[in-house]
Amino acid sequence: MMKRYFVVLFLFLFAGRIGSFAQTSTPWVVPEEAKEKVAPFKFTPETVKIGESVFQRTCKSCHGDPGKQNWAKITPPPGDPASANFQVQTDGEMFYRIKTGRAPMPQFGNILSDEERWQVISYVRSFNPNYTQPAPLISMAAGAKKLKLYIYPNYKLKKLYVLCNEITKEKKEIPAKGIEIQLNVKRYFGTLKLGDPKTTNASGFVMYDFPADLPGGTHGIIDLTARVKDESGLLFSSDANAKLAIGKPVVLKRLTDARAMWSVRSKAPVWLILTFSLTLITVWGFIIYILLALRKLKYSS
């Protein structure tokens, strides 16, 4: 029985190593059309700063700090974004890989918006002094639409309305019909979808119910993001964000609130305080007893 156990354990570990090796050695193929994709805006110090914030929140846990080679010890190794292996990629390759992911790297297609992914790339490129950004895709293709999103809460009906407007060439806003909108909530480790995407009506609106029993911190505030869901590449839109008190208030208990060994001195366990006090009294009592005995011995002689 023990022999069979060790054989199974060996085969399990060996298979894991083979699987890791196969995954590491398999090329991550990026479609040619994805390689040629370029950012829709120019990289600036502002986009780099925003990209750094997104990177710290979603990428640092695995890739570490760019240029420090302190990535997580996992297989296959995530690597350093500032290294030549990363920087040799086109912007489109980086964008594709961030979006699609490959184990152990998660897919960020539903976690980060297109804009956030480009901002991360702008931050990564800031570590390459030889990088020259390709001309941004600022000219809109035929049939493309520029959209703008708004979030409106109705506290009385407990409904969330998302308005999607199309910006015309004359800079006017008109309702955009038939646009898929995804509503998300930002959580500590990523983004939580609030239901399935919904399509705007003739007035450009979609409606969601307030999330039921969703924790929202001390005051019930949750961070909402409305995002256009588009696979065609012909819709240009930034996300709409709103922080609303529509969640369930949750008072988090701190570790120092209860009496425990790891708490502050004023919250130390009662038994520990008594034990320490009695020990201190005993020690000082013994010292005083010795001093009195020595004093008595001195005067008796």
C-alpha atoms as a PDB file:
ATOM      1  CA  MET A   1       0.000   0.000   0.000  1.00  0.00           C
ATOM      2  CA  MET A   2       2.760   2.455   0.920  1.00  0.00           C
ATOM      3  CA  LYS A   3       4.658   1.573  -2.254  1.00  0.00           C
ATOM      4  CA  ARG A   4       1.582   2.321  -4.376  1.00  0.00           C
ATOM      5  CA  TYR A   5       1.144   5.643  -2.545  1.00  0.00           C
ATOM      6  CA  PHE A   6       4.700   6.757  -3.333  1.00  0.00           C
ATOM      7  CA  VAL A   7       4.319   5.710  -6.980  1.00  0.00           C
ATOM      8  CA  VAL A   8       1.137   7.778  -7.334  1.00  0.00           C
ATOM      9  CA  LEU A   9       2.785  10.736  -5.599  1.00  0.00           C
ATOM     10  CA  PHE A  10       5.804  10.510  -7.900  1.00  0.00           C
ATOM     11  CA  LEU A  11       3.629  10.345 -11.020  1.00  0.00           C
ATOM     12  CA  PHE A  12       1.582  13.329  -9.810  1.00  0.00           C
ATOM     13  CA  LEU A  13       4.653  15.482  -9.205  1.00  0.00           C
ATOM     14  CA  PHE A  14       6.292  14.334 -12.433  1.00  0.00           C
ATOM     15  CA  ALA A  15       3.153  15.108 -14.429  1.00  0.00           C
ATOM     16  CA  GLY A  16       3.018  18.565 -12.829  1.00  0.00           C
ATOM     17  CA  ARG A  17       6.611  19.250 -13.830  1.00  0.00           C
ATOM     18  CA  ILE A  18       5.974  18.020 -17.383  1.00  0.00           C
ATOM     19  CA  GLY A  19       2.849  20.189 -17.596  1.00  0.00           C
ATOM     20  CA  SER A  20       4.757  23.245 -16.388  1.00  0.00           C
ATOM     21  CA  PHE A  21       7.578  22.578 -18.832  1.00  0.00           C
ATOM     22  CA  ALA A  22       5.157  22.122 -21.733  1.00  0.00           C
ATOM     23  CA  GLN A  23       3.359  25.333 -20.845  1.00  0.00           C
ATOM     24  CA  THR A  24       6.642  27.228 -20.589  1.00  0.00           C
ATOM     25  CA  SER A  25       7.984  25.877 -23.872  1.00  0.00           C
ATOM     26  CA  THR A  26       4.768  26.411 -25.859  1.00  0.00           C
ATOM     27  CA  PRO A  27       4.983  29.719 -27.747  1.00  0.00           C
ATOM     28  CA  TRP A  28       2.341  32.306 -26.933  1.00  0.00           C
ATOM     29  CA  VAL A  29       1.141  33.080 -30.451  1.00  0.00           C
ATOM     30  CA  VAL A  30      -0.367  36.512 -31.023  1.00  0.00           C
ATOM     31  CA  PRO A  31      -2.440  37.051 -34.197  1.00  0.00           C
ATOM     32  CA  GLU A  32      -0.808  39.319 -36.762  1.00  0.00           C
ATOM     33  CA  GLU A  33      -3.697  41.795 -36.734  1.00  0.00           C
ATOM     34  CA  ALA A  34      -3.352  42.092 -32.946  1.00  0.00           C
ATOM     35  CA  LYS A  35       0.381  42.827 -33.220  1.00  0.00           C
ATOM     36  CA  GLU A  36      -0.317  45.833 -35.428  1.00  0.00           C
ATOM     37  CA  LYS A  37      -2.814  47.410 -33.033  1.00  0.00           C
ATOM     38  CA  VAL A  38      -1.755  50.791 -31.632  1.00  0.00           C
ATOM     39  CA  ALA A  39      -2.998  52.967 -28.791  1.00  0.00           C
ATOM     40  CA  PRO A  40      -5.838  55.410 -29.537  1.00  0.00           C
ATOM     41  CA  PHE A  41      -4.064  58.189 -27.615  1.00  0.00           C
ATOM     42  CA  LYS A  42      -0.576  59.550 -27.060  1.00  0.00           C
ATOM     43  CA  PHE A  43       1.360  58.306 -24.044  1.00  0.00           C
ATOM     44  CA  THR A  44       2.016  61.177 -21.633  1.00  0.00           C
ATOM     45  CA  PRO A  45       3.306  61.557 -18.066  1.00  0.00           C
ATOM     46  CA  GLU A  46      -0.350  61.539 -16.997  1.00  0.00           C
ATOM     47  CA  THR A  47      -1.109  58.200 -18.702  1.00  0.00           C
ATOM     48  CA  VAL A  48       2.109  56.790 -17.228  1.00  0.00           C
ATOM     49  CA  LYS A  49       1.032  57.856 -13.737  1.00  0.00           C
ATOM     50  CA  ILE A  50      -2.425  56.319 -14.141  1.00  0.00           C
ATOM     51  CA  GLY A  51      -0.862  53.194 -15.656  1.00  0.00           C
ATOM     52  CA  GLU A  52       1.454  52.862 -12.659  1.00  0.00           C
ATOM     53  CA  SER A  53      -1.567  52.926 -10.336  1.00  0.00           C
ATOM     54  CA  VAL A  54      -3.309  50.205 -12.352  1.00  0.00           C
ATOM     55  CA  PHE A  55      -0.091  48.162 -12.510  1.00  0.00           C
ATOM     56  CA  GLN A  56       0.409  48.366  -8.748  1.00  0.00           C
ATOM     57  CA  ARG A  57      -3.158  47.183  -8.210  1.00  0.00           C
ATOM     58  CA  THR A  58      -3.367  44.339 -10.733  1.00  0.00           C
ATOM     59  CA  CYS A  59       0.109  43.351 -11.981  1.00  0.00           C
ATOM     60  CA  LYS A  60       2.705  43.905  -9.262  1.00  0.00           C
ATOM     61  CA  SER A  61       1.734  40.837  -7.219  1.00  0.00           C
ATOM     62  CA  CYS A  62       3.141  38.626 -10.009  1.00  0.00           C
ATOM     63  CA  HIS A  63       5.510  40.804 -12.061  1.00  0.00           C
ATOM     64  CA  GLY A  64       6.996  42.740  -9.141  1.00  0.00           C
ATOM     65  CA  ASP A  65       8.524  46.190  -9.645  1.00  0.00           C
ATOM     66  CA  PRO A  66       9.694  46.915 -13.213  1.00  0.00           C
ATOM     67  CA  GLY A  67      13.485  46.922 -13.352  1.00  0.00           C
ATOM     68  CA  LYS A  68      13.876  45.183  -9.970  1.00  0.00           C
ATOM     69  CA  GLN A  69      13.571  41.559 -11.215  1.00  0.00           C
ATOM     70  CA  ASN A  70      11.538  40.672  -8.129  1.00  0.00           C
ATOM     71  CA  TRP A  71       8.698  38.818  -9.797  1.00  0.00           C
ATOM     72  CA  ALA A  72       6.777  36.047  -8.046  1.00  0.00           C
ATOM     73  CA  LYS A  73       8.408  32.615  -7.922  1.00  0.00           C
ATOM     74  CA  ILE A  74       5.830  30.773  -9.998  1.00  0.00           C
ATOM     75  CA  THR A  75       5.970  28.597 -13.129  1.00  0.00           C
ATOM     76  CA  PRO A  76       6.234  29.815 -15.780  1.00  0.00           C
ATOM     77  CA  PRO A  77       7.982  32.895 -14.359  1.00  0.00           C
ATOM     78  CA  PRO A  78       6.071  36.141 -15.027  1.00  0.00           C
ATOM     79  CA  GLY A  79       9.260  38.049 -15.838  1.00  0.00           C
ATOM     80  CA  ASP A  80      10.210  41.697 -15.522  1.00  0.00           C
ATOM     81  CA  PRO A  81       8.177  44.147 -17.678  1.00  0.00           C
ATOM     82  CA  ALA A  82      11.239  46.380 -18.006  1.00  0.00           C
ATOM     83  CA  SER A  83      13.348  43.558 -19.482  1.00  0.00           C
ATOM     84  CA  ALA A  84      14.272  43.208 -23.146  1.00  0.00           C
ATOM     85  CA  ASN A  85      12.013  40.147 -23.474  1.00  0.00           C
ATOM     86  CA  PHE A  86       9.020  42.342 -22.706  1.00  0.00           C
ATOM     87  CA  GLN A  87      10.123  45.496 -24.471  1.00  0.00           C
ATOM     88  CA  VAL A  88      10.773  43.695 -27.774  1.00  0.00           C
ATOM     89  CA  GLN A  89       7.008  43.174 -28.118  1.00  0.00           C
ATOM     90  CA  THR A  90       4.827  45.580 -30.059  1.00  0.00           C
ATOM     91  CA  ASP A  91       2.219  47.568 -28.155  1.00  0.00           C
ATOM     92  CA  GLY A  92      -0.424  45.418 -29.806  1.00  0.00           C
ATOM     93  CA  GLU A  93       1.184  42.207 -28.511  1.00  0.00           C
ATOM     94  CA  MET A  94       1.233  43.554 -24.959  1.00  0.00           C
ATOM     95  CA  PHE A  95      -2.379  44.680 -25.274  1.00  0.00           C
ATOM     96  CA  TYR A  96      -3.472  41.255 -26.574  1.00  0.00           C
ATOM     97  CA  ARG A  97      -1.658  39.308 -23.863  1.00  0.00           C
ATOM     98  CA  ILE A  98      -2.980  41.515 -21.064  1.00  0.00           C
ATOM     99  CA  LYS A  99      -6.496  41.083 -22.422  1.00  0.00           C
ATOM    100  CA  THR A 100      -6.492  37.326 -23.087  1.00  0.00           C
ATOM    101  CA  GLY A 101      -4.050  36.042 -20.468  1.00  0.00           C
ATOM    102  CA  ARG A 102      -2.571  32.552 -20.230  1.00  0.00           C
ATOM    103  CA  ALA A 103      -2.229  30.478 -17.073  1.00  0.00           C
ATOM    104  CA  PRO A 104      -1.089  31.437 -14.542  1.00  0.00           C
ATOM    105  CA  MET A 105      -1.732  34.978 -15.830  1.00  0.00           C
ATOM    106  CA  PRO A 106      -5.468  35.790 -15.621  1.00  0.00           C
ATOM    107  CA  GLN A 107      -7.527  37.342 -18.408  1.00  0.00           C
ATOM    108  CA  PHE A 108      -7.885  41.069 -17.840  1.00  0.00           C
ATOM    109  CA  GLY A 109     -10.419  41.547 -20.644  1.00  0.00           C
ATOM    110  CA  ASN A 110     -13.277  41.893 -18.155  1.00  0.00           C
ATOM    111  CA  ILE A 111     -11.205  43.383 -15.340  1.00  0.00           C
ATOM    112  CA  LEU A 112      -9.511  46.311 -17.079  1.00  0.00           C
ATOM    113  CA  SER A 113     -10.946  48.577 -19.744  1.00  0.00           C
ATOM    114  CA  ASP A 114      -9.148  49.102 -23.050  1.00  0.00           C
ATOM    115  CA  GLU A 115      -8.069  52.510 -21.785  1.00  0.00           C
ATOM    116  CA  GLU A 116      -6.591  51.042 -18.584  1.00  0.00           C
ATOM    117  CA  ARG A 117      -4.689  48.403 -20.542  1.00  0.00           C
ATOM    118  CA  TRP A 118      -3.138  51.063 -22.794  1.00  0.00           C
ATOM    119  CA  GLN A 119      -2.263  53.102 -19.696  1.00  0.00           C
ATOM    120  CA  VAL A 120      -0.462  50.078 -18.209  1.00  0.00           C
ATOM    121  CA  ILE A 121       1.464  49.723 -21.456  1.00  0.00           C
ATOM    122  CA  SER A 122       2.409  53.411 -21.340  1.00  0.00           C
ATOM    123  CA  TYR A 123       3.793  52.822 -17.828  1.00  0.00           C
ATOM    124  CA  VAL A 124       5.751  49.732 -18.918  1.00  0.00           C
ATOM    125  CA  ARG A 125       7.166  51.625 -21.919  1.00  0.00           C
ATOM    126  CA  SER A 126       8.423  54.385 -19.606  1.00  0.00           C
ATOM    127  CA  PHE A 127      11.210  51.960 -18.577  1.00  0.00           C
ATOM    128  CA  ASN A 128      12.486  51.743 -22.167  1.00  0.00           C
ATOM    129  CA  PRO A 129      14.574  54.822 -23.127  1.00  0.00           C
ATOM    130  CA  ASN A 130      14.702  53.644 -26.756  1.00  0.00           C
ATOM    131  CA  TYR A 131      10.938  53.309 -27.162  1.00  0.00           C
ATOM    132  CA  THR A 132       9.159  55.445 -29.748  1.00  0.00           C
ATOM    133  CA  GLN A 133       5.389  55.272 -29.714  1.00  0.00           C
ATOM    134  CA  PRO A 134       3.680  54.533 -33.035  1.00  0.00           C
ATOM    135  CA  ALA A 135       1.306  57.224 -34.271  1.00  0.00           C
ATOM    136  CA  PRO A 136      -1.854  56.998 -32.108  1.00  0.00           C
ATOM    137  CA  LEU A 137      -5.046  55.828 -33.761  1.00  0.00           C
ATOM    138  CA  ILE A 138      -6.812  59.148 -33.506  1.00  0.00           C
ATOM    139  CA  SER A 139      -8.561  59.101 -36.877  1.00  0.00           C
ATOM    140  CA  MET A 140     -11.829  57.196 -36.533  1.00  0.00           C
ATOM    141  CA  ALA A 141     -12.610  54.588 -39.163  1.00  0.00           C
ATOM    142  CA  ALA A 142     -15.721  54.695 -41.270  1.00  0.00           C
ATOM    143  CA  GLY A 143     -18.741  53.693 -39.218  1.00  0.00           C
ATOM    144  CA  ALA A 144     -16.928  54.221 -35.915  1.00  0.00           C
ATOM    145  CA  LYS A 145     -18.717  55.931 -33.049  1.00  0.00           C
ATOM    146  CA  LYS A 146     -17.475  58.025 -30.178  1.00  0.00           C
ATOM    147  CA  LEU A 147     -19.577  57.416 -27.080  1.00  0.00           C
ATOM    148  CA  LYS A 148     -19.971  58.945 -23.661  1.00  0.00           C
ATOM    149  CA  LEU A 149     -21.458  57.219 -20.620  1.00  0.00           C
ATOM    150  CA  TYR A 150     -23.264  58.562 -17.566  1.00  0.00           C
ATOM    151  CA  ILE A 151     -24.499  56.822 -14.391  1.00  0.00           C
ATOM    152  CA  TYR A 152     -27.693  58.009 -12.680  1.00  0.00           C
ATOM    153  CA  PRO A 153     -29.034  56.450  -9.443  1.00  0.00           C
ATOM    154  CA  ASN A 154     -32.708  56.481  -8.456  1.00  0.00           C
ATOM    155  CA  TYR A 155     -32.717  55.902  -4.717  1.00  0.00           C
ATOM    156  CA  LYS A 156     -36.499  55.864  -4.474  1.00  0.00           C
ATOM    157  CA  LEU A 157     -36.946  53.050  -7.006  1.00  0.00           C
ATOM    158  CA  LYS A 158     -33.569  51.475  -6.152  1.00  0.00           C
ATOM    159  CA  LYS A 159     -32.556  51.526  -9.800  1.00  0.00           C
ATOM    160  CA  LEU A 160     -29.360  52.424 -11.619  1.00  0.00           C
ATOM    161  CA  TYR A 161     -29.618  54.038 -15.034  1.00  0.00           C
ATOM    162  CA  VAL A 162     -26.725  54.191 -17.456  1.00  0.00           C
ATOM    163  CA  LEU A 163     -27.038  56.658 -20.325  1.00  0.00           C
ATOM    164  CA  CYS A 164     -25.006  56.193 -23.490  1.00  0.00           C
ATOM    165  CA  ASN A 165     -24.731  59.135 -25.867  1.00  0.00           C
ATOM    166  CA  GLU A 166     -23.042  59.317 -29.235  1.00  0.00           C
ATOM    167  CA  ILE A 167     -20.897  62.383 -29.856  1.00  0.00           C
ATOM    168  CA  THR A 168     -21.475  63.675 -33.361  1.00  0.00           C
ATOM    169  CA  LYS A 169     -18.992  65.490 -35.564  1.00  0.00           C
ATOM    170  CA  GLU A 170     -20.671  68.723 -34.469  1.00  0.00           C
ATOM    171  CA  LYS A 171     -19.774  67.819 -30.844  1.00  0.00           C
ATOM    172  CA  LYS A 172     -23.426  67.268 -29.990  1.00  0.00           C
ATOM    173  CA  GLU A 173     -24.646  64.344 -27.898  1.00  0.00           C
ATOM    174  CA  ILE A 174     -27.492  62.153 -29.099  1.00  0.00           C
ATOM    175  CA  PRO A 175     -28.851  58.910 -27.546  1.00  0.00           C
ATOM    176  CA  ALA A 176     -27.019  55.815 -28.777  1.00  0.00           C
ATOM    177  CA  LYS A 177     -29.330  52.870 -29.349  1.00  0.00           C
ATOM    178  CA  GLY A 178     -28.267  49.227 -29.436  1.00  0.00           C
ATOM    179  CA  ILE A 179     -25.023  49.600 -27.463  1.00  0.00           C
ATOM    180  CA  GLU A 180     -24.083  46.831 -25.019  1.00  0.00           C
ATOM    181  CA  ILE A 181     -23.245  48.158 -21.572  1.00  0.00           C
ATOM    182  CA  GLN A 182     -21.589  46.206 -18.765  1.00  0.00           C
ATOM    183  CA  LEU A 183     -21.913  47.468 -15.201  1.00  0.00           C
ATOM    184  CA  ASN A 184     -19.147  46.477 -12.790  1.00  0.00           C
ATOM    185  CA  VAL A 185     -18.184  47.050  -9.183  1.00  0.00           C
ATOM    186  CA  LYS A 186     -14.569  47.569  -8.223  1.00  0.00           C
ATOM    187  CA  ARG A 187     -13.434  45.179  -5.529  1.00  0.00           C
ATOM    188  CA  TYR A 188     -10.077  44.857  -3.787  1.00  0.00           C
ATOM    189  CA  PHE A 189      -8.778  42.070  -6.052  1.00  0.00           C
ATOM    190  CA  GLY A 190     -10.428  43.078  -9.308  1.00  0.00           C
ATOM    191  CA  THR A 191     -13.828  43.809 -10.788  1.00  0.00           C
ATOM    192  CA  LEU A 192     -17.181  42.167 -10.089  1.00  0.00           C
ATOM    193  CA  LYS A 193     -19.793  42.068 -12.850  1.00  0.00           C
ATOM    194  CA  LEU A 194     -23.312  43.165 -11.932  1.00  0.00           C
ATOM    195  CA  GLY A 195     -25.288  40.811 -14.127  1.00  0.00           C
ATOM    196  CA  ASP A 196     -25.017  40.353 -17.886  1.00  0.00           C
ATOM    197  CA  PRO A 197     -24.467  43.174 -20.397  1.00  0.00           C
ATOM    198  CA  LYS A 198     -27.617  45.085 -21.371  1.00  0.00           C
ATOM    199  CA  THR A 199     -28.436  46.872 -24.621  1.00  0.00           C
ATOM    200  CA  THR A 200     -29.451  50.535 -24.642  1.00  0.00           C
ATOM    201  CA  ASN A 201     -32.981  51.439 -25.715  1.00  0.00           C
ATOM    202  CA  ALA A 202     -34.023  54.175 -28.152  1.00  0.00           C
ATOM    203  CA  SER A 203     -33.330  56.789 -25.466  1.00  0.00           C
ATOM    204  CA  GLY A 204     -29.795  55.439 -24.881  1.00  0.00           C
ATOM    205  CA  PHE A 205     -30.591  54.009 -21.435  1.00  0.00           C
ATOM    206  CA  VAL A 206     -30.083  50.685 -19.706  1.00  0.00           C
ATOM    207  CA  MET A 207     -31.450  49.945 -16.236  1.00  0.00           C
ATOM    208  CA  TYR A 208     -30.053  47.869 -13.389  1.00  0.00           C
ATOM    209  CA  ASP A 209     -31.409  47.059  -9.940  1.00  0.00           C
ATOM    210  CA  PHE A 210     -29.417  48.168  -6.926  1.00  0.00           C
ATOM    211  CA  PRO A 211     -27.100  45.283  -5.948  1.00  0.00           C
ATOM    212  CA  ALA A 212     -28.606  43.304  -3.080  1.00  0.00           C
ATOM    213  CA  ASP A 213     -26.505  42.837   0.081  1.00  0.00           C
ATOM    214  CA  LEU A 214     -23.272  43.883  -1.624  1.00  0.00           C
ATOM    215  CA  PRO A 215     -20.742  44.949   1.050  1.00  0.00           C
ATOM    216  CA  GLY A 216     -19.842  48.599   0.691  1.00  0.00           C
ATOM    217  CA  GLY A 217     -17.596  49.567   3.585  1.00  0.00           C
ATOM    218  CA  THR A 218     -18.548  51.570   6.640  1.00  0.00           C
ATOM    219  CA  HIS A 219     -20.989  53.830   4.780  1.00  0.00           C
ATOM    220  CA  GLY A 220     -22.156  51.336   2.164  1.00  0.00           C
ATOM    221  CA  ILE A 221     -20.318  53.108  -0.648  1.00  0.00           C
ATOM    222  CA  ILE A 222     -19.493  51.030  -3.716  1.00  0.00           C
ATOM    223  CA  ASP A 223     -17.397  52.062  -6.717  1.00  0.00           C
ATOM    224  CA  LEU A 224     -19.346  51.511  -9.946  1.00  0.00           C
ATOM    225  CA  THR A 225     -17.994  51.405 -13.474  1.00  0.00           C
ATOM    226  CA  ALA A 226     -20.100  51.409 -16.643  1.00  0.00           C
ATOM    227  CA  ARG A 227     -18.253  50.114 -19.700  1.00  0.00           C
ATOM    228  CA  VAL A 228     -19.120  49.680 -23.366  1.00  0.00           C
ATOM    229  CA  LYS A 229     -18.829  46.046 -24.421  1.00  0.00           C
ATOM    230  CA  ASP A 230     -17.445  46.014 -27.947  1.00  0.00           C
ATOM    231  CA  GLU A 231     -15.583  43.441 -30.006  1.00  0.00           C
ATOM    232  CA  SER A 232     -15.703  45.326 -33.302  1.00  0.00           C
ATOM    233  CA  GLY A 233     -13.156  47.983 -32.398  1.00  0.00           C
ATOM    234  CA  LEU A 234     -15.437  50.651 -33.872  1.00  0.00           C
ATOM    235  CA  LEU A 235     -16.717  52.052 -30.584  1.00  0.00           C
ATOM    236  CA  PHE A 236     -14.578  54.599 -28.745  1.00  0.00           C
ATOM    237  CA  SER A 237     -15.608  55.302 -25.178  1.00  0.00           C
ATOM    238  CA  SER A 238     -14.105  55.911 -21.761  1.00  0.00           C
ATOM    239  CA  ASP A 239     -15.691  54.363 -18.683  1.00  0.00           C
ATOM    240  CA  ALA A 240     -18.228  56.143 -16.500  1.00  0.00           C
ATOM    241  CA  ASN A 241     -17.474  55.919 -12.767  1.00  0.00           C
ATOM    242  CA  ALA A 242     -19.596  56.703  -9.733  1.00  0.00           C
ATOM    243  CA  LYS A 243     -19.240  56.123  -6.011  1.00  0.00           C
ATOM    244  CA  LEU A 244     -22.699  55.616  -4.526  1.00  0.00           C
ATOM    245  CA  ALA A 245     -23.984  54.680  -1.074  1.00  0.00           C
ATOM    246  CA  ILE A 246     -26.112  51.778  -2.332  1.00  0.00           C
ATOM    247  CA  GLY A 247     -24.240  48.876  -0.746  1.00  0.00           C
ATOM    248  CA  LYS A 248     -24.571  47.186   2.607  1.00  0.00           C
ATOM    249  CA  PRO A 249     -22.681  49.049   5.335  1.00  0.00           C
ATOM    250  CA  VAL A 250     -20.027  46.848   6.886  1.00  0.00           C
ATOM    251  CA  VAL A 251     -18.026  47.805   9.962  1.00  0.00           C
ATOM    252  CA  LEU A 252     -14.738  45.957   9.775  1.00  0.00           C
ATOM    253  CA  LYS A 253     -13.295  44.831  13.084  1.00  0.00           C
ATOM    254  CA  ARG A 254      -9.649  45.629  13.545  1.00  0.00           C
ATOM    255  CA  LEU A 255      -7.271  43.136  15.084  1.00  0.00           C
ATOM    256  CA  THR A 256      -6.574  45.621  17.878  1.00  0.00           C
ATOM    257  CA  ASP A 257     -10.257  45.966  18.836  1.00  0.00           C
ATOM    258  CA  ALA A 258     -10.341  42.768  20.895  1.00  0.00           C
ATOM    259  CA  ARG A 259      -8.251  41.748  23.857  1.00  0.00           C
ATOM    260  CA  ALA A 260      -5.550  39.486  22.456  1.00  0.00           C
ATOM    261  CA  MET A 261      -1.840  38.740  22.638  1.00  0.00           C
ATOM    262  CA  TRP A 262      -1.220  40.687  19.380  1.00  0.00           C
ATOM    263  CA  SER A 263      -3.291  43.720  20.392  1.00  0.00           C
ATOM    264  CA  VAL A 264      -2.130  47.025  21.858  1.00  0.00           C
ATOM    265  CA  ARG A 265      -1.101  47.275  25.510  1.00  0.00           C
ATOM    266  CA  SER A 266      -4.427  48.711  26.626  1.00  0.00           C
ATOM    267  CA  LYS A 267      -6.227  45.719  25.048  1.00  0.00           C
ATOM    268  CA  ALA A 268      -3.972  43.007  26.460  1.00  0.00           C
ATOM    269  CA  PRO A 269      -5.786  39.926  27.871  1.00  0.00           C
ATOM    270  CA  VAL A 270      -6.820  40.239  31.528  1.00  0.00           C
ATOM    271  CA  TRP A 271      -5.024  37.012  32.478  1.00  0.00           C
ATOM    272  CA  LEU A 272      -1.829  38.341  30.906  1.00  0.00           C
ATOM    273  CA  ILE A 273      -2.107  41.636  32.827  1.00  0.00           C
ATOM    274  CA  LEU A 274      -2.719  39.756  36.112  1.00  0.00           C
ATOM    275  CA  THR A 275       0.113  37.311  35.444  1.00  0.00           C
ATOM    276  CA  PHE A 276       2.530  40.115  34.617  1.00  0.00           C
ATOM    277  CA  SER A 277       1.455  42.163  37.637  1.00  0.00           C
ATOM    278  CA  LEU A 278       1.745  39.220  40.051  1.00  0.00           C
ATOM    279  CA  THR A 279       5.120  38.288  38.597  1.00  0.00           C
ATOM    280  CA  LEU A 280       6.333  41.862  38.988  1.00  0.00           C
ATOM    281  CA  ILE A 281       5.047  42.061  42.584  1.00  0.00           C
ATOM    282  CA  THR A 282       6.686  38.732  43.411  1.00  0.00           C
ATOM    283  CA  VAL A 283      10.039  39.775  41.963  1.00  0.00           C
ATOM    284  CA  TRP A 284      10.050  43.138  43.729  1.00  0.00           C
ATOM    285  CA  GLY A 285       8.835  41.476  46.969  1.00  0.00           C
ATOM    286  CA  PHE A 286      11.724  39.028  46.773  1.00  0.00           C
ATOM    287  CA  ILE A 287      14.217  41.867  46.133  1.00  0.00           C
ATOM    288  CA  ILE A 288      12.859  43.857  49.095  1.00  0.00           C
ATOM    289  CA  TYR A 289      12.997  40.746  51.291  1.00  0.00           C
ATOM    290  CA  ILE A 290      16.682  40.205  50.367  1.00  0.00           C
ATOM    291  CA  LEU A 291      17.491  43.862  51.073  1.00  0.00           C
ATOM    292  CA  LEU A 292      15.766  43.736  54.478  1.00  0.00           C
ATOM    293  CA  ALA A 293      17.547  40.492  55.323  1.00  0.00           C
ATOM    294  CA  LEU A 294      20.916  42.030  54.408  1.00  0.00           C
ATOM    295  CA  ARG A 295      20.100  45.118  56.473  1.00  0.00           C
ATOM    296  CA  LYS A 296      19.155  42.962  59.467  1.00  0.00           C
ATOM    297  CA  LEU A 297      22.328  40.914  59.069  1.00  0.00           C
ATOM    298  CA  LYS A 298      24.421  44.089  58.959  1.00  0.00           C
ATOM    299  CA  TYR A 299      22.998  45.551  62.173  1.00  0.00           C
ATOM    300  CA  SER A 300      23.022  42.223  64.042  1.00  0.00           C
ATOM    301  CA  SER A 301      26.767  41.942  63.523  1.00  0.00           C
END
